[in-house]
């Protein structure tokens, strides 16, 4: 649980910095939103191969 929170906090620290730099460099909020959308899509793709081990174990035990 602690590792999950640590990774989330790293993203919460770096995200606004990168987004702010993009806005400063381009003068537009559009690129900041594109960056955020790209990170969310990347996170969704990275979660796809993760397997649900806990649920499968519990279902097999009940049956």
C-alpha atoms as a PDB file:
ATOM      1  CA  UNK A   1       0.000   0.000   0.000  1.00  0.00           C
ATOM      2  CA  UNK A   2       2.824   2.383   0.785  1.00  0.00           C
ATOM      3  CA  UNK A   3       4.465   1.856  -2.602  1.00  0.00           C
ATOM      4  CA  UNK A   4       1.226   2.732  -4.392  1.00  0.00           C
ATOM      5  CA  UNK A   5       0.928   5.964  -2.396  1.00  0.00           C
ATOM      6  CA  UNK A   6       4.586   6.803  -3.034  1.00  0.00           C
ATOM      7  CA  UNK A   7       4.173   6.432  -6.802  1.00  0.00           C
ATOM      8  CA  UNK A   8       0.990   8.513  -6.736  1.00  0.00           C
ATOM      9  CA  UNK A   9       2.719  11.245  -4.763  1.00  0.00           C
ATOM     10  CA  UNK A  10       5.610  11.326  -7.236  1.00  0.00           C
ATOM     11  CA  UNK A  11       3.091  11.921 -10.010  1.00  0.00           C
ATOM     12  CA  UNK A  12       1.318  14.565  -7.934  1.00  0.00           C
ATOM     13  CA  UNK A  13       4.668  16.322  -7.467  1.00  0.00           C
ATOM     14  CA  UNK A  14       5.947  16.109 -11.050  1.00  0.00           C
ATOM     15  CA  UNK A  15       2.657  16.590 -12.936  1.00  0.00           C
ATOM     16  CA  UNK A  16       2.003  20.238 -12.048  1.00  0.00           C
ATOM     17  CA  UNK A  17       5.649  21.156 -12.657  1.00  0.00           C
ATOM     18  CA  UNK A  18       5.677  19.646 -16.153  1.00  0.00           C
ATOM     19  CA  UNK A  19       2.255  21.070 -16.967  1.00  0.00           C
ATOM     20  CA  UNK A  20       3.321  24.525 -15.771  1.00  0.00           C
ATOM     21  CA  UNK A  21       6.484  24.386 -17.876  1.00  0.00           C
ATOM     22  CA  UNK A  22       4.430  23.406 -20.940  1.00  0.00           C
ATOM     23  CA  UNK A  23       2.042  26.296 -20.357  1.00  0.00           C
ATOM     24  CA  UNK A  24       4.943  28.736 -19.873  1.00  0.00           C
ATOM     25  CA  UNK A  25       6.746  27.543 -23.006  1.00  0.00           C
ATOM     26  CA  UNK A  26       3.718  27.440 -25.300  1.00  0.00           C
ATOM     27  CA  UNK A  27       1.514  30.137 -23.781  1.00  0.00           C
ATOM     28  CA  UNK A  28      -1.486  27.838 -24.100  1.00  0.00           C
ATOM     29  CA  UNK A  29      -3.304  25.566 -21.683  1.00  0.00           C
ATOM     30  CA  UNK A  30      -4.070  23.159 -24.539  1.00  0.00           C
ATOM     31  CA  UNK A  31      -0.696  21.431 -24.408  1.00  0.00           C
ATOM     32  CA  UNK A  32      -1.025  20.988 -20.660  1.00  0.00           C
ATOM     33  CA  UNK A  33      -4.336  19.215 -21.146  1.00  0.00           C
ATOM     34  CA  UNK A  34      -2.869  17.095 -23.937  1.00  0.00           C
ATOM     35  CA  UNK A  35      -0.009  16.082 -21.618  1.00  0.00           C
ATOM     36  CA  UNK A  36      -2.443  15.118 -18.851  1.00  0.00           C
ATOM     37  CA  UNK A  37      -4.589  13.121 -21.306  1.00  0.00           C
ATOM     38  CA  UNK A  38      -1.506  11.319 -22.652  1.00  0.00           C
ATOM     39  CA  UNK A  39      -0.402  10.362 -19.134  1.00  0.00           C
ATOM     40  CA  UNK A  40      -3.875   9.029 -18.309  1.00  0.00           C
ATOM     41  CA  UNK A  41      -3.964   6.979 -21.529  1.00  0.00           C
ATOM     42  CA  UNK A  42      -0.470   5.637 -20.821  1.00  0.00           C
ATOM     43  CA  UNK A  43      -1.532   4.615 -17.311  1.00  0.00           C
ATOM     44  CA  UNK A  44      -4.567   2.811 -18.736  1.00  0.00           C
ATOM     45  CA  UNK A  45      -2.414   0.902 -21.213  1.00  0.00           C
ATOM     46  CA  UNK A  46       0.095  -0.059 -18.510  1.00  0.00           C
ATOM     47  CA  UNK A  47      -2.679  -1.458 -16.285  1.00  0.00           C
ATOM     48  CA  UNK A  48      -4.033  -3.820 -18.972  1.00  0.00           C
ATOM     49  CA  UNK A  49      -1.536  -6.678 -18.393  1.00  0.00           C
ATOM     50  CA  UNK A  50      -2.003  -6.613 -14.600  1.00  0.00           C
ATOM     51  CA  UNK A  51      -3.851  -9.705 -13.444  1.00  0.00           C
ATOM     52  CA  UNK A  52      -6.442  -9.888 -10.688  1.00  0.00           C
ATOM     53  CA  UNK A  53      -4.867 -12.550  -8.495  1.00  0.00           C
ATOM     54  CA  UNK A  54      -6.916 -11.928  -5.359  1.00  0.00           C
ATOM     55  CA  UNK A  55     -10.320 -12.209  -6.975  1.00  0.00           C
ATOM     56  CA  UNK A  56      -9.472 -15.361  -8.909  1.00  0.00           C
ATOM     57  CA  UNK A  57      -8.221 -17.051  -5.763  1.00  0.00           C
ATOM     58  CA  UNK A  58     -11.382 -16.187  -3.840  1.00  0.00           C
ATOM     59  CA  UNK A  59     -13.702 -17.396  -6.605  1.00  0.00           C
ATOM     60  CA  UNK A  60     -11.940 -20.735  -6.867  1.00  0.00           C
ATOM     61  CA  UNK A  61     -12.074 -21.219  -3.108  1.00  0.00           C
ATOM     62  CA  UNK A  62     -15.839 -20.641  -2.989  1.00  0.00           C
ATOM     63  CA  UNK A  63     -16.623 -22.991  -5.851  1.00  0.00           C
END
